[in-house]
Amino acid sequence: MESLENTMLIEVLDNKTIGLIRELEKLNLIKVLEERLPDTKPKLSDKYRGKIPLHVADQMKSNIQP
């Protein structure tokens, strides 16, 4: 089989896709060059950003500041 020397960077949006990628690798159709797994827990600041209205957050801040 001819080597095409094509490299692609792919963002996996659904974890189910990883199984499909592994199957393609077992069939020697693709090769995974690097695997970067995201942190299992998002930072709380990222998780809750925008969840509390700004005026409520300001009130909370004023309650905890001396």
PDB file of N, CA and C in Angstrom:
ATOM      1  N   MET A   1       0.843  -1.174   0.000  1.00  0.00           N
ATOM      2  CA  MET A   1       0.000   0.000   0.000  1.00  0.00           C
ATOM      3  C   MET A   1       0.888   1.236   0.000  1.00  0.00           C
ATOM      4  N   GLU A   2       0.513   2.236  -0.747  1.00  0.00           N
ATOM      5  CA  GLU A   2       1.275   3.469  -0.867  1.00  0.00           C
ATOM      6  C   GLU A   2       1.075   4.344   0.369  1.00  0.00           C
ATOM      7  N   SER A   3       2.175   4.905   0.892  1.00  0.00           N
ATOM      8  CA  SER A   3       2.087   5.807   2.034  1.00  0.00           C
ATOM      9  C   SER A   3       1.818   7.216   1.533  1.00  0.00           C
ATOM     10  N   LEU A   4       0.763   7.838   2.053  1.00  0.00           N
ATOM     11  CA  LEU A   4       0.378   9.162   1.583  1.00  0.00           C
ATOM     12  C   LEU A   4       0.996  10.283   2.408  1.00  0.00           C
ATOM     13  N   GLU A   5       1.569   9.953   3.576  1.00  0.00           N
ATOM     14  CA  GLU A   5       2.210  10.940   4.429  1.00  0.00           C
ATOM     15  C   GLU A   5       1.303  12.110   4.771  1.00  0.00           C
ATOM     16  N   ASN A   6       0.032  11.844   5.020  1.00  0.00           N
ATOM     17  CA  ASN A   6      -0.913  12.875   5.449  1.00  0.00           C
ATOM     18  C   ASN A   6      -1.045  12.832   6.953  1.00  0.00           C
ATOM     19  N   THR A   7      -0.950  13.998   7.573  1.00  0.00           N
ATOM     20  CA  THR A   7      -1.117  14.107   9.011  1.00  0.00           C
ATOM     21  C   THR A   7      -2.237  15.081   9.291  1.00  0.00           C
ATOM     22  N   MET A   8      -3.143  14.705  10.200  1.00  0.00           N
ATOM     23  CA  MET A   8      -4.275  15.555  10.553  1.00  0.00           C
ATOM     24  C   MET A   8      -4.339  15.684  12.066  1.00  0.00           C
ATOM     25  N   LEU A   9      -4.720  16.854  12.520  1.00  0.00           N
ATOM     26  CA  LEU A   9      -4.984  17.075  13.937  1.00  0.00           C
ATOM     27  C   LEU A   9      -6.492  17.034  14.097  1.00  0.00           C
ATOM     28  N   ILE A  10      -6.983  16.144  14.972  1.00  0.00           N
ATOM     29  CA  ILE A  10      -8.421  15.936  15.126  1.00  0.00           C
ATOM     30  C   ILE A  10      -8.801  16.191  16.576  1.00  0.00           C
ATOM     31  N   GLU A  11      -9.866  16.959  16.785  1.00  0.00           N
ATOM     32  CA  GLU A  11     -10.408  17.157  18.123  1.00  0.00           C
ATOM     33  C   GLU A  11     -11.571  16.189  18.299  1.00  0.00           C
ATOM     34  N   VAL A  12     -11.480  15.331  19.288  1.00  0.00           N
ATOM     35  CA  VAL A  12     -12.531  14.346  19.563  1.00  0.00           C
ATOM     36  C   VAL A  12     -13.613  15.026  20.399  1.00  0.00           C
ATOM     37  N   LEU A  13     -14.837  15.060  19.875  1.00  0.00           N
ATOM     38  CA  LEU A  13     -15.936  15.731  20.550  1.00  0.00           C
ATOM     39  C   LEU A  13     -16.774  14.787  21.402  1.00  0.00           C
ATOM     40  N   ASP A  14     -16.682  13.500  21.137  1.00  0.00           N
ATOM     41  CA  ASP A  14     -17.466  12.510  21.877  1.00  0.00           C
ATOM     42  C   ASP A  14     -16.538  11.348  22.204  1.00  0.00           C
ATOM     43  N   ASN A  15     -16.508  10.943  23.464  1.00  0.00           N
ATOM     44  CA  ASN A  15     -15.599   9.872  23.881  1.00  0.00           C
ATOM     45  C   ASN A  15     -15.857   8.554  23.164  1.00  0.00           C
ATOM     46  N   LYS A  16     -17.054   8.356  22.621  1.00  0.00           N
ATOM     47  CA  LYS A  16     -17.343   7.127  21.864  1.00  0.00           C
ATOM     48  C   LYS A  16     -16.455   7.037  20.630  1.00  0.00           C
ATOM     49  N   THR A  17     -16.016   8.178  20.140  1.00  0.00           N
ATOM     50  CA  THR A  17     -15.183   8.230  18.940  1.00  0.00           C
ATOM     51  C   THR A  17     -13.834   7.568  19.160  1.00  0.00           C
ATOM     52  N   ILE A  18     -13.344   7.599  20.384  1.00  0.00           N
ATOM     53  CA  ILE A  18     -12.027   7.032  20.672  1.00  0.00           C
ATOM     54  C   ILE A  18     -11.999   5.542  20.341  1.00  0.00           C
ATOM     55  N   GLY A  19     -13.086   4.847  20.628  1.00  0.00           N
ATOM     56  CA  GLY A  19     -13.160   3.426  20.278  1.00  0.00           C
ATOM     57  C   GLY A  19     -13.061   3.204  18.779  1.00  0.00           C
ATOM     58  N   LEU A  20     -13.723   4.050  18.016  1.00  0.00           N
ATOM     59  CA  LEU A  20     -13.641   3.949  16.558  1.00  0.00           C
ATOM     60  C   LEU A  20     -12.221   4.209  16.062  1.00  0.00           C
ATOM     61  N   ILE A  21     -11.576   5.193  16.657  1.00  0.00           N
ATOM     62  CA  ILE A  21     -10.197   5.500  16.267  1.00  0.00           C
ATOM     63  C   ILE A  21      -9.287   4.319  16.582  1.00  0.00           C
ATOM     64  N   ARG A  22      -9.487   3.699  17.732  1.00  0.00           N
ATOM     65  CA  ARG A  22      -8.674   2.520  18.095  1.00  0.00           C
ATOM     66  C   ARG A  22      -8.903   1.372  17.105  1.00  0.00           C
ATOM     67  N   GLU A  23     -10.149   1.185  16.671  1.00  0.00           N
ATOM     68  CA  GLU A  23     -10.446   0.130  15.688  1.00  0.00           C
ATOM     69  C   GLU A  23      -9.740   0.410  14.364  1.00  0.00           C
ATOM     70  N   LEU A  24      -9.762   1.662  13.923  1.00  0.00           N
ATOM     71  CA  LEU A  24      -9.065   2.025  12.680  1.00  0.00           C
ATOM     72  C   LEU A  24      -7.562   1.794  12.817  1.00  0.00           C
ATOM     73  N   GLU A  25      -7.033   2.053  14.012  1.00  0.00           N
ATOM     74  CA  GLU A  25      -5.613   1.821  14.242  1.00  0.00           C
ATOM     75  C   GLU A  25      -5.288   0.325  14.202  1.00  0.00           C
ATOM     76  N   LYS A  26      -6.171  -0.519  14.769  1.00  0.00           N
ATOM     77  CA  LYS A  26      -5.962  -1.972  14.738  1.00  0.00           C
ATOM     78  C   LYS A  26      -5.990  -2.522  13.313  1.00  0.00           C
ATOM     79  N   LEU A  27      -6.778  -1.877  12.450  1.00  0.00           N
ATOM     80  CA  LEU A  27      -6.872  -2.288  11.048  1.00  0.00           C
ATOM     81  C   LEU A  27      -5.742  -1.714  10.196  1.00  0.00           C
ATOM     82  N   ASN A  28      -4.789  -1.034  10.866  1.00  0.00           N
ATOM     83  CA  ASN A  28      -3.664  -0.394  10.183  1.00  0.00           C
ATOM     84  C   ASN A  28      -4.103   0.614   9.132  1.00  0.00           C
ATOM     85  N   LEU A  29      -5.213   1.290   9.403  1.00  0.00           N
ATOM     86  CA  LEU A  29      -5.692   2.338   8.506  1.00  0.00           C
ATOM     87  C   LEU A  29      -5.205   3.711   8.947  1.00  0.00           C
ATOM     88  N   ILE A  30      -4.971   3.856  10.249  1.00  0.00           N
ATOM     89  CA  ILE A  30      -4.444   5.102  10.796  1.00  0.00           C
ATOM     90  C   ILE A  30      -3.420   4.758  11.867  1.00  0.00           C
ATOM     91  N   LYS A  31      -2.667   5.769  12.279  1.00  0.00           N
ATOM     92  CA  LYS A  31      -1.722   5.603  13.387  1.00  0.00           C
ATOM     93  C   LYS A  31      -1.888   6.803  14.301  1.00  0.00           C
ATOM     94  N   VAL A  32      -2.115   6.542  15.589  1.00  0.00           N
ATOM     95  CA  VAL A  32      -2.220   7.619  16.568  1.00  0.00           C
ATOM     96  C   VAL A  32      -0.799   8.005  16.955  1.00  0.00           C
ATOM     97  N   LEU A  33      -0.440   9.261  16.686  1.00  0.00           N
ATOM     98  CA  LEU A  33       0.914   9.720  16.949  1.00  0.00           C
ATOM     99  C   LEU A  33       1.088  10.248  18.365  1.00  0.00           C
ATOM    100  N   GLU A  34       0.073  10.927  18.864  1.00  0.00           N
ATOM    101  CA  GLU A  34       0.144  11.522  20.192  1.00  0.00           C
ATOM    102  C   GLU A  34      -1.252  11.526  20.786  1.00  0.00           C
ATOM    103  N   GLU A  35      -1.331  11.213  22.042  1.00  0.00           N
ATOM    104  CA  GLU A  35      -2.630  11.201  22.710  1.00  0.00           C
ATOM    105  C   GLU A  35      -2.561  12.130  23.910  1.00  0.00           C
ATOM    106  N   ARG A  36      -3.397  13.149  23.892  1.00  0.00           N
ATOM    107  CA  ARG A  36      -3.474  14.071  25.020  1.00  0.00           C
ATOM    108  C   ARG A  36      -4.869  13.959  25.604  1.00  0.00           C
ATOM    109  N   LEU A  37      -4.918  13.493  26.823  1.00  0.00           N
ATOM    110  CA  LEU A  37      -6.202  13.340  27.497  1.00  0.00           C
ATOM    111  C   LEU A  37      -6.480  14.594  28.312  1.00  0.00           C
ATOM    112  N   PRO A  38      -7.700  15.108  28.227  1.00  0.00           N
ATOM    113  CA  PRO A  38      -8.020  16.301  29.015  1.00  0.00           C
ATOM    114  C   PRO A  38      -8.083  15.971  30.497  1.00  0.00           C
ATOM    115  N   ASP A  39      -7.924  17.013  31.325  1.00  0.00           N
ATOM    116  CA  ASP A  39      -8.090  16.825  32.759  1.00  0.00           C
ATOM    117  C   ASP A  39      -9.484  16.269  33.013  1.00  0.00           C
ATOM    118  N   THR A  40      -9.574  15.348  33.950  1.00  0.00           N
ATOM    119  CA  THR A  40     -10.871  14.735  34.211  1.00  0.00           C
ATOM    120  C   THR A  40     -11.818  15.698  34.921  1.00  0.00           C
ATOM    121  N   LYS A  41     -11.259  16.634  35.687  1.00  0.00           N
ATOM    122  CA  LYS A  41     -12.098  17.595  36.386  1.00  0.00           C
ATOM    123  C   LYS A  41     -11.809  18.998  35.861  1.00  0.00           C
ATOM    124  N   PRO A  42     -12.823  19.691  35.363  1.00  0.00           N
ATOM    125  CA  PRO A  42     -12.590  21.077  34.943  1.00  0.00           C
ATOM    126  C   PRO A  42     -12.375  21.963  36.167  1.00  0.00           C
ATOM    127  N   LYS A  43     -11.666  23.066  35.962  1.00  0.00           N
ATOM    128  CA  LYS A  43     -11.492  24.014  37.057  1.00  0.00           C
ATOM    129  C   LYS A  43     -12.859  24.584  37.414  1.00  0.00           C
ATOM    130  N   LEU A  44     -13.096  24.792  38.694  1.00  0.00           N
ATOM    131  CA  LEU A  44     -14.390  25.313  39.132  1.00  0.00           C
ATOM    132  C   LEU A  44     -14.683  26.676  38.520  1.00  0.00           C
ATOM    133  N   SER A  45     -13.651  27.496  38.330  1.00  0.00           N
ATOM    134  CA  SER A  45     -13.872  28.815  37.730  1.00  0.00           C
ATOM    135  C   SER A  45     -14.387  28.676  36.299  1.00  0.00           C
ATOM    136  N   ASP A  46     -13.900  27.675  35.565  1.00  0.00           N
ATOM    137  CA  ASP A  46     -14.388  27.440  34.200  1.00  0.00           C
ATOM    138  C   ASP A  46     -15.788  26.831  34.214  1.00  0.00           C
ATOM    139  N   LYS A  47     -16.006  25.919  35.148  1.00  0.00           N
ATOM    140  CA  LYS A  47     -17.286  25.218  35.212  1.00  0.00           C
ATOM    141  C   LYS A  47     -18.442  26.161  35.520  1.00  0.00           C
ATOM    142  N   TYR A  48     -18.206  27.107  36.430  1.00  0.00           N
ATOM    143  CA  TYR A  48     -19.294  27.968  36.880  1.00  0.00           C
ATOM    144  C   TYR A  48     -19.251  29.378  36.304  1.00  0.00           C
ATOM    145  N   ARG A  49     -18.320  29.652  35.382  1.00  0.00           N
ATOM    146  CA  ARG A  49     -18.229  30.974  34.774  1.00  0.00           C
ATOM    147  C   ARG A  49     -19.548  31.318  34.084  1.00  0.00           C
ATOM    148  N   GLY A  50     -20.119  32.451  34.450  1.00  0.00           N
ATOM    149  CA  GLY A  50     -21.345  32.917  33.824  1.00  0.00           C
ATOM    150  C   GLY A  50     -22.622  32.331  34.412  1.00  0.00           C
ATOM    151  N   LYS A  51     -22.522  31.508  35.423  1.00  0.00           N
ATOM    152  CA  LYS A  51     -23.710  30.870  36.009  1.00  0.00           C
ATOM    153  C   LYS A  51     -24.421  31.777  37.010  1.00  0.00           C
ATOM    154  N   ILE A  52     -23.645  32.638  37.689  1.00  0.00           N
ATOM    155  CA  ILE A  52     -24.235  33.556  38.669  1.00  0.00           C
ATOM    156  C   ILE A  52     -24.283  34.940  38.030  1.00  0.00           C
ATOM    157  N   PRO A  53     -25.431  35.608  38.080  1.00  0.00           N
ATOM    158  CA  PRO A  53     -25.506  36.965  37.525  1.00  0.00           C
ATOM    159  C   PRO A  53     -24.486  37.886  38.200  1.00  0.00           C
ATOM    160  N   LEU A  54     -23.968  38.833  37.455  1.00  0.00           N
ATOM    161  CA  LEU A  54     -22.916  39.714  37.938  1.00  0.00           C
ATOM    162  C   LEU A  54     -23.322  40.468  39.204  1.00  0.00           C
ATOM    163  N   HIS A  55     -24.553  40.957  39.270  1.00  0.00           N
ATOM    164  CA  HIS A  55     -24.964  41.709  40.451  1.00  0.00           C
ATOM    165  C   HIS A  55     -25.011  40.820  41.704  1.00  0.00           C
ATOM    166  N   VAL A  56     -25.360  39.551  41.538  1.00  0.00           N
ATOM    167  CA  VAL A  56     -25.365  38.617  42.673  1.00  0.00           C
ATOM    168  C   VAL A  56     -23.928  38.330  43.109  1.00  0.00           C
ATOM    169  N   ALA A  57     -23.038  38.152  42.146  1.00  0.00           N
ATOM    170  CA  ALA A  57     -21.633  37.900  42.472  1.00  0.00           C
ATOM    171  C   ALA A  57     -21.040  39.090  43.206  1.00  0.00           C
ATOM    172  N   ASP A  58     -21.383  40.317  42.789  1.00  0.00           N
ATOM    173  CA  ASP A  58     -20.890  41.508  43.477  1.00  0.00           C
ATOM    174  C   ASP A  58     -21.394  41.564  44.915  1.00  0.00           C
ATOM    175  N   GLN A  59     -22.653  41.190  45.132  1.00  0.00           N
ATOM    176  CA  GLN A  59     -23.197  41.161  46.492  1.00  0.00           C
ATOM    177  C   GLN A  59     -22.482  40.120  47.349  1.00  0.00           C
ATOM    178  N   MET A  60     -22.199  38.978  46.749  1.00  0.00           N
ATOM    179  CA  MET A  60     -21.491  37.926  47.477  1.00  0.00           C
ATOM    180  C   MET A  60     -20.089  38.404  47.862  1.00  0.00           C
ATOM    181  N   LYS A  61     -19.410  39.049  46.943  1.00  0.00           N
ATOM    182  CA  LYS A  61     -18.069  39.569  47.221  1.00  0.00           C
ATOM    183  C   LYS A  61     -18.096  40.568  48.371  1.00  0.00           C
ATOM    184  N   SER A  62     -19.082  41.465  48.349  1.00  0.00           N
ATOM    185  CA  SER A  62     -19.150  42.486  49.406  1.00  0.00           C
ATOM    186  C   SER A  62     -19.445  41.858  50.768  1.00  0.00           C
ATOM    187  N   ASN A  63     -20.112  40.724  50.791  1.00  0.00           N
ATOM    188  CA  ASN A  63     -20.421  40.042  52.051  1.00  0.00           C
ATOM    189  C   ASN A  63     -19.211  39.355  52.663  1.00  0.00           C
ATOM    190  N   ILE A  64     -18.254  38.947  51.826  1.00  0.00           N
ATOM    191  CA  ILE A  64     -17.101  38.219  52.364  1.00  0.00           C
ATOM    192  C   ILE A  64     -15.872  39.102  52.541  1.00  0.00           C
ATOM    193  N   GLN A  65     -15.863  40.309  51.973  1.00  0.00           N
ATOM    194  CA  GLN A  65     -14.722  41.204  52.142  1.00  0.00           C
ATOM    195  C   GLN A  65     -14.872  42.010  53.414  1.00  0.00           C
ATOM    196  N   PRO A  66     -13.755  42.181  54.165  1.00  0.00           N
ATOM    197  CA  PRO A  66     -13.833  42.934  55.428  1.00  0.00           C
ATOM    198  C   PRO A  66     -14.069  44.422  55.200  1.00  0.00           C
TER     199      PRO A  66
END
